[in-house]
Amino acid sequence: MQDFTILPQGLPDPADDGAAAHLEGRTLPIVQLASTAGGTVDLGSLDGLTVLYCYPMTGRPGTALPEGWDDIPGARGCTPQACAFRDHFAELRALGVRSVFGISTQTTAYQREAAARLHLPFPLLSDSALELQEMLDLPVMDVAGDVLLKRLTMVARDGVIETVFYPVFPPDRNAGDVIDHLRRRSGSG
């Protein structure tokens, strides 16, 4: 069985294609995304400091990844990225982050399995209807006919996107990169 928590060696680095350059300074739209915690989350009503990390899809034990998945720059690593945000969750909260959300185009039912299996202390949000993707023109990839979000992380304050990490590589270091950024901004590191 494949261990999705470990990144294989030799993954291709994703290039910065400029597809996220327009996001800093944008306001998070009023959009209701289904949450693995139940109900929905309106991104437009978030206040305080929020971290939103977008990812293509989490793997599921016993289910094969799409053909050639490891060869797609930036595709592999959703589980290690989620686990890193889980492992650094308390540190993020101590730095003033009020909310952390993972966002993908997978259904809430699919995400719920991953959130439970990985013991995530924050919800995953489903953009399966591509509403957020269209409103913010988030970068995507087409894999076997499925539209998946490219990996990026947004740090927003009171609903305004202040910082965007794109491309994110390697994904298991993304949470640490966000923490380093927040420390520099606060002058505590």
N, C-alpha and C. Protein backbone atom coordinates (compact mmCIF):
# COMPACT_ATOMS: atom_id res chain seq x y z
N MET A 1 0.84 -1.18 0.00
CA MET A 1 0.00 0.00 0.00
C MET A 1 0.89 1.25 0.00
N GLN A 2 0.49 2.24 -0.76
CA GLN A 2 1.26 3.47 -0.88
C GLN A 2 1.05 4.36 0.35
N ASP A 3 2.13 4.94 0.85
CA ASP A 3 2.06 5.84 2.00
C ASP A 3 2.02 7.27 1.46
N PHE A 4 0.84 7.88 1.51
CA PHE A 4 0.66 9.23 0.97
C PHE A 4 1.28 10.32 1.84
N THR A 5 1.73 9.95 3.05
CA THR A 5 2.32 10.96 3.93
C THR A 5 3.78 11.25 3.59
N ILE A 6 4.37 10.42 2.74
CA ILE A 6 5.78 10.57 2.37
C ILE A 6 5.88 11.03 0.92
N LEU A 7 6.63 12.11 0.70
CA LEU A 7 6.85 12.59 -0.66
C LEU A 7 7.94 11.76 -1.33
N PRO A 8 7.67 11.24 -2.54
CA PRO A 8 8.72 10.52 -3.24
C PRO A 8 9.82 11.47 -3.71
N GLN A 9 11.01 10.95 -3.89
CA GLN A 9 12.13 11.73 -4.40
C GLN A 9 11.91 12.03 -5.89
N GLY A 10 12.50 13.14 -6.34
CA GLY A 10 12.51 13.44 -7.77
C GLY A 10 11.24 14.02 -8.34
N LEU A 11 10.35 14.52 -7.49
CA LEU A 11 9.14 15.15 -8.03
C LEU A 11 9.52 16.42 -8.80
N PRO A 12 8.83 16.70 -9.90
CA PRO A 12 9.16 17.92 -10.66
C PRO A 12 8.67 19.18 -9.93
N ASP A 13 9.54 20.21 -9.92
CA ASP A 13 9.17 21.49 -9.31
C ASP A 13 8.14 22.19 -10.18
N PRO A 14 7.08 22.71 -9.59
CA PRO A 14 6.15 23.52 -10.38
C PRO A 14 6.77 24.89 -10.66
N ALA A 15 6.51 25.42 -11.84
CA ALA A 15 7.02 26.74 -12.22
C ALA A 15 5.99 27.81 -11.84
N ASP A 16 6.49 29.00 -11.54
CA ASP A 16 5.58 30.12 -11.29
C ASP A 16 5.13 30.65 -12.64
N ASP A 17 3.90 30.29 -13.01
CA ASP A 17 3.35 30.69 -14.29
C ASP A 17 2.59 32.02 -14.22
N GLY A 18 2.65 32.67 -13.04
CA GLY A 18 1.98 33.96 -12.86
C GLY A 18 0.48 33.86 -12.65
N ALA A 19 -0.05 32.65 -12.55
CA ALA A 19 -1.50 32.46 -12.47
C ALA A 19 -2.11 32.89 -11.13
N ALA A 20 -1.28 33.22 -10.14
CA ALA A 20 -1.79 33.68 -8.85
C ALA A 20 -1.37 35.11 -8.55
N ALA A 21 -0.72 35.77 -9.50
CA ALA A 21 -0.17 37.11 -9.27
C ALA A 21 -1.25 38.15 -8.98
N HIS A 22 -2.47 37.91 -9.41
CA HIS A 22 -3.56 38.87 -9.24
C HIS A 22 -4.27 38.77 -7.88
N LEU A 23 -3.89 37.82 -7.04
CA LEU A 23 -4.67 37.55 -5.83
C LEU A 23 -4.38 38.48 -4.65
N GLU A 24 -3.12 38.91 -4.47
CA GLU A 24 -2.82 39.77 -3.32
C GLU A 24 -3.61 41.07 -3.43
N GLY A 25 -4.25 41.43 -2.32
CA GLY A 25 -5.07 42.64 -2.28
C GLY A 25 -6.53 42.40 -2.60
N ARG A 26 -6.86 41.22 -3.13
CA ARG A 26 -8.25 40.90 -3.44
C ARG A 26 -9.02 40.58 -2.15
N THR A 27 -10.30 40.85 -2.18
CA THR A 27 -11.18 40.52 -1.07
C THR A 27 -11.75 39.13 -1.29
N LEU A 28 -11.78 38.32 -0.24
CA LEU A 28 -12.39 37.01 -0.37
C LEU A 28 -13.87 37.19 -0.70
N PRO A 29 -14.37 36.46 -1.68
CA PRO A 29 -15.76 36.65 -2.09
C PRO A 29 -16.76 36.05 -1.11
N ILE A 30 -17.96 36.52 -1.22
CA ILE A 30 -19.07 35.93 -0.46
C ILE A 30 -19.43 34.64 -1.20
N VAL A 31 -19.05 33.54 -0.61
CA VAL A 31 -19.32 32.23 -1.20
C VAL A 31 -19.41 31.22 -0.06
N GLN A 32 -20.41 30.40 -0.11
CA GLN A 32 -20.63 29.37 0.90
C GLN A 32 -20.02 28.06 0.42
N LEU A 33 -18.99 27.58 1.13
CA LEU A 33 -18.37 26.31 0.79
C LEU A 33 -18.70 25.28 1.86
N ALA A 34 -19.08 24.10 1.42
CA ALA A 34 -19.41 23.01 2.35
C ALA A 34 -18.16 22.64 3.14
N SER A 35 -18.37 22.39 4.44
CA SER A 35 -17.27 22.13 5.37
C SER A 35 -17.35 20.72 5.93
N THR A 36 -16.18 20.11 6.14
CA THR A 36 -16.14 18.79 6.77
C THR A 36 -16.58 18.86 8.23
N ALA A 37 -16.66 20.07 8.79
CA ALA A 37 -17.15 20.23 10.17
C ALA A 37 -18.67 20.32 10.20
N GLY A 38 -19.30 20.26 9.04
CA GLY A 38 -20.75 20.39 8.93
C GLY A 38 -21.12 21.80 8.51
N GLY A 39 -22.20 21.93 7.80
CA GLY A 39 -22.66 23.23 7.35
C GLY A 39 -21.75 23.81 6.28
N THR A 40 -21.75 25.14 6.21
CA THR A 40 -20.93 25.83 5.23
C THR A 40 -20.13 26.93 5.90
N VAL A 41 -19.11 27.39 5.19
CA VAL A 41 -18.30 28.52 5.64
C VAL A 41 -18.40 29.59 4.56
N ASP A 42 -18.77 30.80 4.95
CA ASP A 42 -18.81 31.93 4.03
C ASP A 42 -17.47 32.64 4.09
N LEU A 43 -16.66 32.48 3.05
CA LEU A 43 -15.33 33.07 3.06
C LEU A 43 -15.40 34.59 3.15
N GLY A 44 -16.44 35.20 2.61
CA GLY A 44 -16.58 36.64 2.64
C GLY A 44 -16.85 37.22 4.02
N SER A 45 -17.18 36.37 4.97
CA SER A 45 -17.48 36.87 6.32
C SER A 45 -16.37 36.58 7.33
N LEU A 46 -15.25 36.05 6.84
CA LEU A 46 -14.15 35.71 7.76
C LEU A 46 -13.48 36.98 8.27
N ASP A 47 -13.22 37.01 9.57
CA ASP A 47 -12.48 38.15 10.11
C ASP A 47 -11.24 37.62 10.83
N GLY A 48 -10.34 38.53 11.14
CA GLY A 48 -9.09 38.12 11.76
C GLY A 48 -8.15 37.54 10.71
N LEU A 49 -7.15 36.84 11.18
CA LEU A 49 -6.12 36.24 10.33
C LEU A 49 -6.54 34.83 9.94
N THR A 50 -6.56 34.55 8.64
CA THR A 50 -7.00 33.27 8.10
C THR A 50 -5.97 32.72 7.14
N VAL A 51 -5.73 31.42 7.20
CA VAL A 51 -4.87 30.73 6.24
C VAL A 51 -5.75 29.77 5.45
N LEU A 52 -5.72 29.93 4.13
CA LEU A 52 -6.48 29.06 3.23
C LEU A 52 -5.48 28.40 2.29
N TYR A 53 -5.35 27.09 2.40
CA TYR A 53 -4.45 26.41 1.47
C TYR A 53 -5.27 25.59 0.49
N CYS A 54 -5.02 25.82 -0.79
CA CYS A 54 -5.71 25.10 -1.86
C CYS A 54 -4.81 23.97 -2.33
N TYR A 55 -5.43 22.83 -2.61
CA TYR A 55 -4.66 21.66 -3.02
C TYR A 55 -5.45 20.89 -4.08
N PRO A 56 -4.76 20.12 -4.92
CA PRO A 56 -5.47 19.40 -5.98
C PRO A 56 -6.42 18.31 -5.46
N MET A 57 -5.90 17.34 -4.72
CA MET A 57 -6.72 16.25 -4.20
C MET A 57 -5.91 15.41 -3.24
N THR A 58 -6.57 14.90 -2.22
CA THR A 58 -5.88 13.98 -1.32
C THR A 58 -6.05 12.55 -1.85
N GLY A 59 -5.01 11.77 -1.68
CA GLY A 59 -5.11 10.36 -2.03
C GLY A 59 -5.87 9.63 -0.94
N ARG A 60 -6.32 8.46 -1.28
CA ARG A 60 -7.06 7.63 -0.32
C ARG A 60 -6.46 6.23 -0.33
N PRO A 61 -6.12 5.71 0.85
CA PRO A 61 -5.54 4.36 0.90
C PRO A 61 -6.41 3.36 0.13
N GLY A 62 -5.74 2.54 -0.66
CA GLY A 62 -6.44 1.53 -1.43
C GLY A 62 -6.97 2.02 -2.77
N THR A 63 -6.82 3.31 -3.06
CA THR A 63 -7.30 3.87 -4.32
C THR A 63 -6.09 4.43 -5.07
N ALA A 64 -5.95 4.03 -6.30
CA ALA A 64 -4.81 4.49 -7.10
C ALA A 64 -4.93 5.98 -7.41
N LEU A 65 -3.78 6.65 -7.44
CA LEU A 65 -3.74 8.04 -7.88
C LEU A 65 -3.92 8.06 -9.40
N PRO A 66 -4.31 9.20 -9.97
CA PRO A 66 -4.45 9.27 -11.43
C PRO A 66 -3.14 8.90 -12.13
N GLU A 67 -3.27 8.33 -13.30
CA GLU A 67 -2.11 7.93 -14.10
C GLU A 67 -1.16 9.12 -14.29
N GLY A 68 0.12 8.92 -13.98
CA GLY A 68 1.12 9.97 -14.18
C GLY A 68 1.09 11.08 -13.15
N TRP A 69 0.41 10.87 -12.04
CA TRP A 69 0.24 11.90 -11.01
C TRP A 69 1.58 12.48 -10.54
N ASP A 70 2.55 11.63 -10.30
CA ASP A 70 3.85 12.10 -9.80
C ASP A 70 4.62 12.92 -10.84
N ASP A 71 4.24 12.81 -12.11
CA ASP A 71 4.92 13.55 -13.17
C ASP A 71 4.33 14.94 -13.40
N ILE A 72 3.20 15.24 -12.77
CA ILE A 72 2.56 16.55 -12.94
C ILE A 72 3.18 17.50 -11.91
N PRO A 73 3.87 18.55 -12.36
CA PRO A 73 4.51 19.47 -11.40
C PRO A 73 3.50 20.05 -10.40
N GLY A 74 3.79 19.84 -9.12
CA GLY A 74 2.94 20.39 -8.07
C GLY A 74 1.74 19.56 -7.67
N ALA A 75 1.53 18.43 -8.32
CA ALA A 75 0.34 17.63 -8.00
C ALA A 75 0.51 16.84 -6.70
N ARG A 76 1.62 16.17 -6.55
CA ARG A 76 1.82 15.25 -5.42
C ARG A 76 2.13 16.03 -4.14
N GLY A 77 1.55 15.59 -3.03
CA GLY A 77 1.91 16.15 -1.73
C GLY A 77 0.77 16.73 -0.92
N CYS A 78 -0.46 16.46 -1.30
CA CYS A 78 -1.60 17.04 -0.57
C CYS A 78 -1.69 16.52 0.86
N THR A 79 -1.46 15.23 1.06
CA THR A 79 -1.50 14.68 2.41
C THR A 79 -0.37 15.22 3.27
N PRO A 80 0.89 15.24 2.79
CA PRO A 80 1.95 15.85 3.61
C PRO A 80 1.68 17.32 3.92
N GLN A 81 1.09 18.05 2.99
CA GLN A 81 0.78 19.45 3.24
C GLN A 81 -0.27 19.57 4.35
N ALA A 82 -1.32 18.78 4.27
CA ALA A 82 -2.37 18.81 5.29
C ALA A 82 -1.80 18.41 6.66
N CYS A 83 -0.95 17.38 6.67
CA CYS A 83 -0.35 16.94 7.93
C CYS A 83 0.55 18.01 8.52
N ALA A 84 1.25 18.76 7.68
CA ALA A 84 2.11 19.83 8.19
C ALA A 84 1.26 20.93 8.82
N PHE A 85 0.15 21.30 8.19
CA PHE A 85 -0.73 22.31 8.80
C PHE A 85 -1.33 21.77 10.10
N ARG A 86 -1.63 20.48 10.15
CA ARG A 86 -2.12 19.85 11.38
C ARG A 86 -1.04 19.94 12.47
N ASP A 87 0.18 19.56 12.12
CA ASP A 87 1.25 19.51 13.11
C ASP A 87 1.66 20.89 13.61
N HIS A 88 1.45 21.92 12.79
CA HIS A 88 1.82 23.29 13.16
C HIS A 88 0.60 24.14 13.56
N PHE A 89 -0.54 23.49 13.73
CA PHE A 89 -1.78 24.23 14.00
C PHE A 89 -1.68 25.09 15.26
N ALA A 90 -1.18 24.53 16.34
CA ALA A 90 -1.07 25.29 17.60
C ALA A 90 -0.14 26.48 17.43
N GLU A 91 0.94 26.29 16.69
CA GLU A 91 1.89 27.38 16.44
C GLU A 91 1.24 28.49 15.61
N LEU A 92 0.46 28.10 14.61
CA LEU A 92 -0.27 29.09 13.81
C LEU A 92 -1.24 29.88 14.68
N ARG A 93 -1.95 29.17 15.54
CA ARG A 93 -2.91 29.84 16.44
C ARG A 93 -2.17 30.80 17.38
N ALA A 94 -1.01 30.40 17.88
CA ALA A 94 -0.23 31.25 18.77
C ALA A 94 0.26 32.52 18.06
N LEU A 95 0.36 32.45 16.73
CA LEU A 95 0.78 33.62 15.95
C LEU A 95 -0.42 34.48 15.52
N GLY A 96 -1.60 34.14 16.03
CA GLY A 96 -2.78 34.97 15.78
C GLY A 96 -3.69 34.48 14.68
N VAL A 97 -3.41 33.32 14.10
CA VAL A 97 -4.28 32.79 13.05
C VAL A 97 -5.57 32.31 13.70
N ARG A 98 -6.66 32.89 13.26
CA ARG A 98 -7.97 32.53 13.81
C ARG A 98 -8.52 31.26 13.15
N SER A 99 -8.30 31.13 11.83
CA SER A 99 -8.86 29.99 11.10
C SER A 99 -7.86 29.46 10.08
N VAL A 100 -7.87 28.13 9.91
CA VAL A 100 -7.14 27.46 8.85
C VAL A 100 -8.15 26.61 8.11
N PHE A 101 -8.09 26.66 6.78
CA PHE A 101 -8.97 25.84 5.94
C PHE A 101 -8.17 25.26 4.80
N GLY A 102 -8.40 23.99 4.49
CA GLY A 102 -7.89 23.38 3.27
C GLY A 102 -9.04 23.39 2.27
N ILE A 103 -8.74 23.69 1.01
CA ILE A 103 -9.78 23.82 -0.01
C ILE A 103 -9.38 23.01 -1.24
N SER A 104 -10.31 22.18 -1.71
CA SER A 104 -10.09 21.44 -2.95
C SER A 104 -11.43 21.35 -3.69
N THR A 105 -11.38 20.77 -4.89
CA THR A 105 -12.61 20.58 -5.66
C THR A 105 -13.24 19.21 -5.37
N GLN A 106 -12.68 18.47 -4.44
CA GLN A 106 -13.26 17.19 -4.06
C GLN A 106 -14.55 17.42 -3.28
N THR A 107 -15.41 16.42 -3.28
CA THR A 107 -16.67 16.54 -2.54
C THR A 107 -16.41 16.52 -1.04
N THR A 108 -17.37 17.03 -0.29
CA THR A 108 -17.25 17.03 1.17
C THR A 108 -17.17 15.60 1.71
N ALA A 109 -17.91 14.67 1.12
CA ALA A 109 -17.86 13.29 1.58
C ALA A 109 -16.45 12.72 1.41
N TYR A 110 -15.81 13.00 0.29
CA TYR A 110 -14.44 12.54 0.06
C TYR A 110 -13.50 13.22 1.05
N GLN A 111 -13.65 14.51 1.22
CA GLN A 111 -12.79 15.26 2.14
C GLN A 111 -12.98 14.80 3.59
N ARG A 112 -14.20 14.46 3.96
CA ARG A 112 -14.48 14.06 5.34
C ARG A 112 -13.66 12.84 5.73
N GLU A 113 -13.50 11.90 4.80
CA GLU A 113 -12.69 10.71 5.07
C GLU A 113 -11.25 11.13 5.36
N ALA A 114 -10.70 12.02 4.53
CA ALA A 114 -9.32 12.47 4.72
C ALA A 114 -9.16 13.23 6.03
N ALA A 115 -10.10 14.13 6.32
CA ALA A 115 -10.02 14.92 7.56
C ALA A 115 -10.02 14.02 8.78
N ALA A 116 -10.85 12.97 8.77
CA ALA A 116 -10.91 12.04 9.90
C ALA A 116 -9.65 11.19 9.97
N ARG A 117 -9.23 10.64 8.83
CA ARG A 117 -8.06 9.76 8.81
C ARG A 117 -6.79 10.49 9.23
N LEU A 118 -6.68 11.76 8.85
CA LEU A 118 -5.48 12.55 9.15
C LEU A 118 -5.59 13.31 10.47
N HIS A 119 -6.75 13.21 11.14
CA HIS A 119 -6.97 13.88 12.42
C HIS A 119 -6.72 15.39 12.32
N LEU A 120 -7.32 16.00 11.31
CA LEU A 120 -7.11 17.43 11.10
C LEU A 120 -7.91 18.24 12.13
N PRO A 121 -7.29 19.22 12.77
CA PRO A 121 -7.98 20.04 13.76
C PRO A 121 -8.68 21.25 13.12
N PHE A 122 -8.81 21.25 11.83
CA PHE A 122 -9.44 22.33 11.08
C PHE A 122 -10.25 21.69 9.95
N PRO A 123 -11.25 22.39 9.44
CA PRO A 123 -12.07 21.81 8.39
C PRO A 123 -11.45 21.91 6.99
N LEU A 124 -11.85 20.99 6.15
CA LEU A 124 -11.59 21.08 4.72
C LEU A 124 -12.87 21.60 4.07
N LEU A 125 -12.71 22.46 3.07
CA LEU A 125 -13.85 23.06 2.38
C LEU A 125 -13.89 22.57 0.94
N SER A 126 -15.10 22.31 0.45
CA SER A 126 -15.27 21.81 -0.91
C SER A 126 -15.69 22.92 -1.86
N ASP A 127 -14.91 23.07 -2.92
CA ASP A 127 -15.27 23.97 -4.02
C ASP A 127 -15.60 23.12 -5.25
N SER A 128 -16.39 22.07 -5.03
CA SER A 128 -16.69 21.12 -6.10
C SER A 128 -17.47 21.78 -7.24
N ALA A 129 -18.18 22.86 -6.98
CA ALA A 129 -18.91 23.59 -8.03
C ALA A 129 -18.04 24.66 -8.69
N LEU A 130 -16.79 24.77 -8.24
CA LEU A 130 -15.81 25.73 -8.78
C LEU A 130 -16.24 27.19 -8.62
N GLU A 131 -17.06 27.46 -7.62
CA GLU A 131 -17.51 28.85 -7.39
C GLU A 131 -16.35 29.74 -6.95
N LEU A 132 -15.62 29.33 -5.92
CA LEU A 132 -14.48 30.12 -5.46
C LEU A 132 -13.44 30.23 -6.56
N GLN A 133 -13.18 29.12 -7.23
CA GLN A 133 -12.19 29.12 -8.31
C GLN A 133 -12.53 30.18 -9.35
N GLU A 134 -13.80 30.24 -9.75
CA GLU A 134 -14.20 31.21 -10.76
C GLU A 134 -14.18 32.64 -10.23
N MET A 135 -14.65 32.84 -9.00
CA MET A 135 -14.70 34.19 -8.43
C MET A 135 -13.32 34.81 -8.27
N LEU A 136 -12.33 33.98 -7.90
CA LEU A 136 -10.97 34.49 -7.70
C LEU A 136 -10.04 34.16 -8.87
N ASP A 137 -10.55 33.44 -9.86
CA ASP A 137 -9.73 32.99 -10.99
C ASP A 137 -8.50 32.25 -10.48
N LEU A 138 -8.75 31.26 -9.61
CA LEU A 138 -7.66 30.46 -9.05
C LEU A 138 -7.08 29.55 -10.12
N PRO A 139 -5.77 29.34 -10.10
CA PRO A 139 -5.15 28.46 -11.10
C PRO A 139 -5.59 27.01 -10.93
N VAL A 140 -5.80 26.36 -12.06
CA VAL A 140 -6.28 24.98 -12.06
C VAL A 140 -5.44 24.11 -12.99
N MET A 141 -5.62 22.81 -12.83
CA MET A 141 -5.07 21.82 -13.75
C MET A 141 -6.17 20.84 -14.10
N ASP A 142 -6.13 20.32 -15.30
CA ASP A 142 -7.09 19.31 -15.73
C ASP A 142 -6.37 17.97 -15.69
N VAL A 143 -6.90 17.07 -14.89
CA VAL A 143 -6.29 15.74 -14.75
C VAL A 143 -7.38 14.70 -15.00
N ALA A 144 -7.22 13.98 -16.07
CA ALA A 144 -8.16 12.92 -16.44
C ALA A 144 -9.60 13.44 -16.49
N GLY A 145 -9.77 14.66 -16.99
CA GLY A 145 -11.10 15.25 -17.13
C GLY A 145 -11.63 15.94 -15.88
N ASP A 146 -10.87 15.92 -14.79
CA ASP A 146 -11.29 16.60 -13.56
C ASP A 146 -10.53 17.92 -13.44
N VAL A 147 -11.25 18.98 -13.08
CA VAL A 147 -10.62 20.28 -12.84
C VAL A 147 -10.21 20.31 -11.38
N LEU A 148 -8.89 20.44 -11.15
CA LEU A 148 -8.34 20.45 -9.79
C LEU A 148 -7.62 21.77 -9.56
N LEU A 149 -7.69 22.26 -8.33
CA LEU A 149 -6.97 23.49 -7.98
C LEU A 149 -5.48 23.21 -7.95
N LYS A 150 -4.69 24.16 -8.46
CA LYS A 150 -3.25 24.07 -8.27
C LYS A 150 -2.97 24.47 -6.83
N ARG A 151 -1.88 23.96 -6.30
CA ARG A 151 -1.53 24.19 -4.91
C ARG A 151 -1.10 25.64 -4.69
N LEU A 152 -1.79 26.33 -3.80
CA LEU A 152 -1.41 27.68 -3.39
C LEU A 152 -1.96 27.92 -2.01
N THR A 153 -1.35 28.86 -1.31
CA THR A 153 -1.81 29.21 0.04
C THR A 153 -1.98 30.70 0.12
N MET A 154 -3.12 31.11 0.68
CA MET A 154 -3.42 32.53 0.86
C MET A 154 -3.51 32.85 2.34
N VAL A 155 -2.91 33.96 2.74
CA VAL A 155 -3.05 34.47 4.09
C VAL A 155 -3.90 35.72 3.97
N ALA A 156 -5.04 35.72 4.65
CA ALA A 156 -5.96 36.86 4.58
C ALA A 156 -6.17 37.46 5.97
N ARG A 157 -6.35 38.76 5.98
CA ARG A 157 -6.68 39.46 7.22
C ARG A 157 -7.99 40.21 6.99
N ASP A 158 -8.97 39.91 7.84
CA ASP A 158 -10.30 40.52 7.73
C ASP A 158 -10.83 40.44 6.31
N GLY A 159 -10.64 39.28 5.67
CA GLY A 159 -11.21 39.02 4.35
C GLY A 159 -10.41 39.53 3.18
N VAL A 160 -9.26 40.16 3.41
CA VAL A 160 -8.43 40.66 2.31
C VAL A 160 -7.17 39.81 2.22
N ILE A 161 -6.88 39.30 1.03
CA ILE A 161 -5.72 38.45 0.82
C ILE A 161 -4.47 39.31 0.89
N GLU A 162 -3.64 39.06 1.89
CA GLU A 162 -2.40 39.83 2.08
C GLU A 162 -1.20 39.18 1.42
N THR A 163 -1.13 37.86 1.46
CA THR A 163 0.04 37.14 0.96
C THR A 163 -0.41 35.87 0.26
N VAL A 164 0.27 35.56 -0.84
CA VAL A 164 -0.01 34.33 -1.58
C VAL A 164 1.30 33.56 -1.75
N PHE A 165 1.28 32.29 -1.41
CA PHE A 165 2.40 31.39 -1.65
C PHE A 165 2.05 30.58 -2.89
N TYR A 166 2.80 30.80 -3.97
CA TYR A 166 2.55 30.10 -5.23
C TYR A 166 3.77 30.22 -6.11
N PRO A 167 4.23 29.15 -6.68
CA PRO A 167 3.80 27.78 -6.40
C PRO A 167 4.31 27.32 -5.04
N VAL A 168 3.68 26.31 -4.52
CA VAL A 168 4.07 25.75 -3.23
C VAL A 168 4.85 24.47 -3.50
N PHE A 169 6.12 24.48 -3.10
CA PHE A 169 6.94 23.28 -3.28
C PHE A 169 8.15 23.37 -2.38
N PRO A 170 8.50 22.33 -1.69
CA PRO A 170 7.71 21.13 -1.50
C PRO A 170 6.54 21.40 -0.56
N PRO A 171 5.44 20.72 -0.77
CA PRO A 171 4.23 21.01 -0.01
C PRO A 171 4.32 20.74 1.49
N ASP A 172 5.18 19.81 1.89
CA ASP A 172 5.28 19.50 3.32
C ASP A 172 5.97 20.61 4.11
N ARG A 173 6.57 21.59 3.42
CA ARG A 173 7.20 22.73 4.10
C ARG A 173 6.32 23.99 4.08
N ASN A 174 5.16 23.90 3.46
CA ASN A 174 4.31 25.08 3.31
C ASN A 174 3.88 25.68 4.64
N ALA A 175 3.47 24.86 5.59
CA ALA A 175 3.04 25.39 6.89
C ALA A 175 4.20 26.11 7.58
N GLY A 176 5.39 25.55 7.51
CA GLY A 176 6.57 26.20 8.09
C GLY A 176 6.88 27.52 7.40
N ASP A 177 6.71 27.56 6.07
CA ASP A 177 6.92 28.81 5.33
C ASP A 177 5.93 29.89 5.76
N VAL A 178 4.68 29.48 5.98
CA VAL A 178 3.65 30.43 6.44
C VAL A 178 4.02 30.95 7.83
N ILE A 179 4.46 30.06 8.71
CA ILE A 179 4.85 30.46 10.07
C ILE A 179 6.03 31.43 10.02
N ASP A 180 7.04 31.12 9.20
CA ASP A 180 8.18 32.03 9.07
C ASP A 180 7.73 33.41 8.59
N HIS A 181 6.83 33.43 7.63
CA HIS A 181 6.30 34.69 7.10
C HIS A 181 5.57 35.48 8.20
N LEU A 182 4.72 34.80 8.96
CA LEU A 182 3.96 35.47 10.02
C LEU A 182 4.90 35.99 11.11
N ARG A 183 5.93 35.25 11.43
CA ARG A 183 6.91 35.71 12.42
C ARG A 183 7.63 36.97 11.94
N ARG A 184 8.06 36.96 10.68
CA ARG A 184 8.73 38.16 10.12
C ARG A 184 7.80 39.36 10.13
N ARG A 185 6.53 39.15 9.81
CA ARG A 185 5.58 40.26 9.78
C ARG A 185 5.32 40.81 11.17
N SER A 186 5.36 39.93 12.16
CA SER A 186 5.09 40.38 13.53
C SER A 186 6.36 40.84 14.24
N GLY A 187 7.52 40.61 13.59
CA GLY A 187 8.78 41.00 14.21
C GLY A 187 9.23 40.03 15.29
N SER A 188 8.64 38.82 15.35
CA SER A 188 9.00 37.87 16.41
C SER A 188 9.91 36.78 15.89
N GLY A 189 10.60 36.98 14.81
CA GLY A 189 11.45 35.92 14.37
C GLY A 189 12.24 36.33 13.18
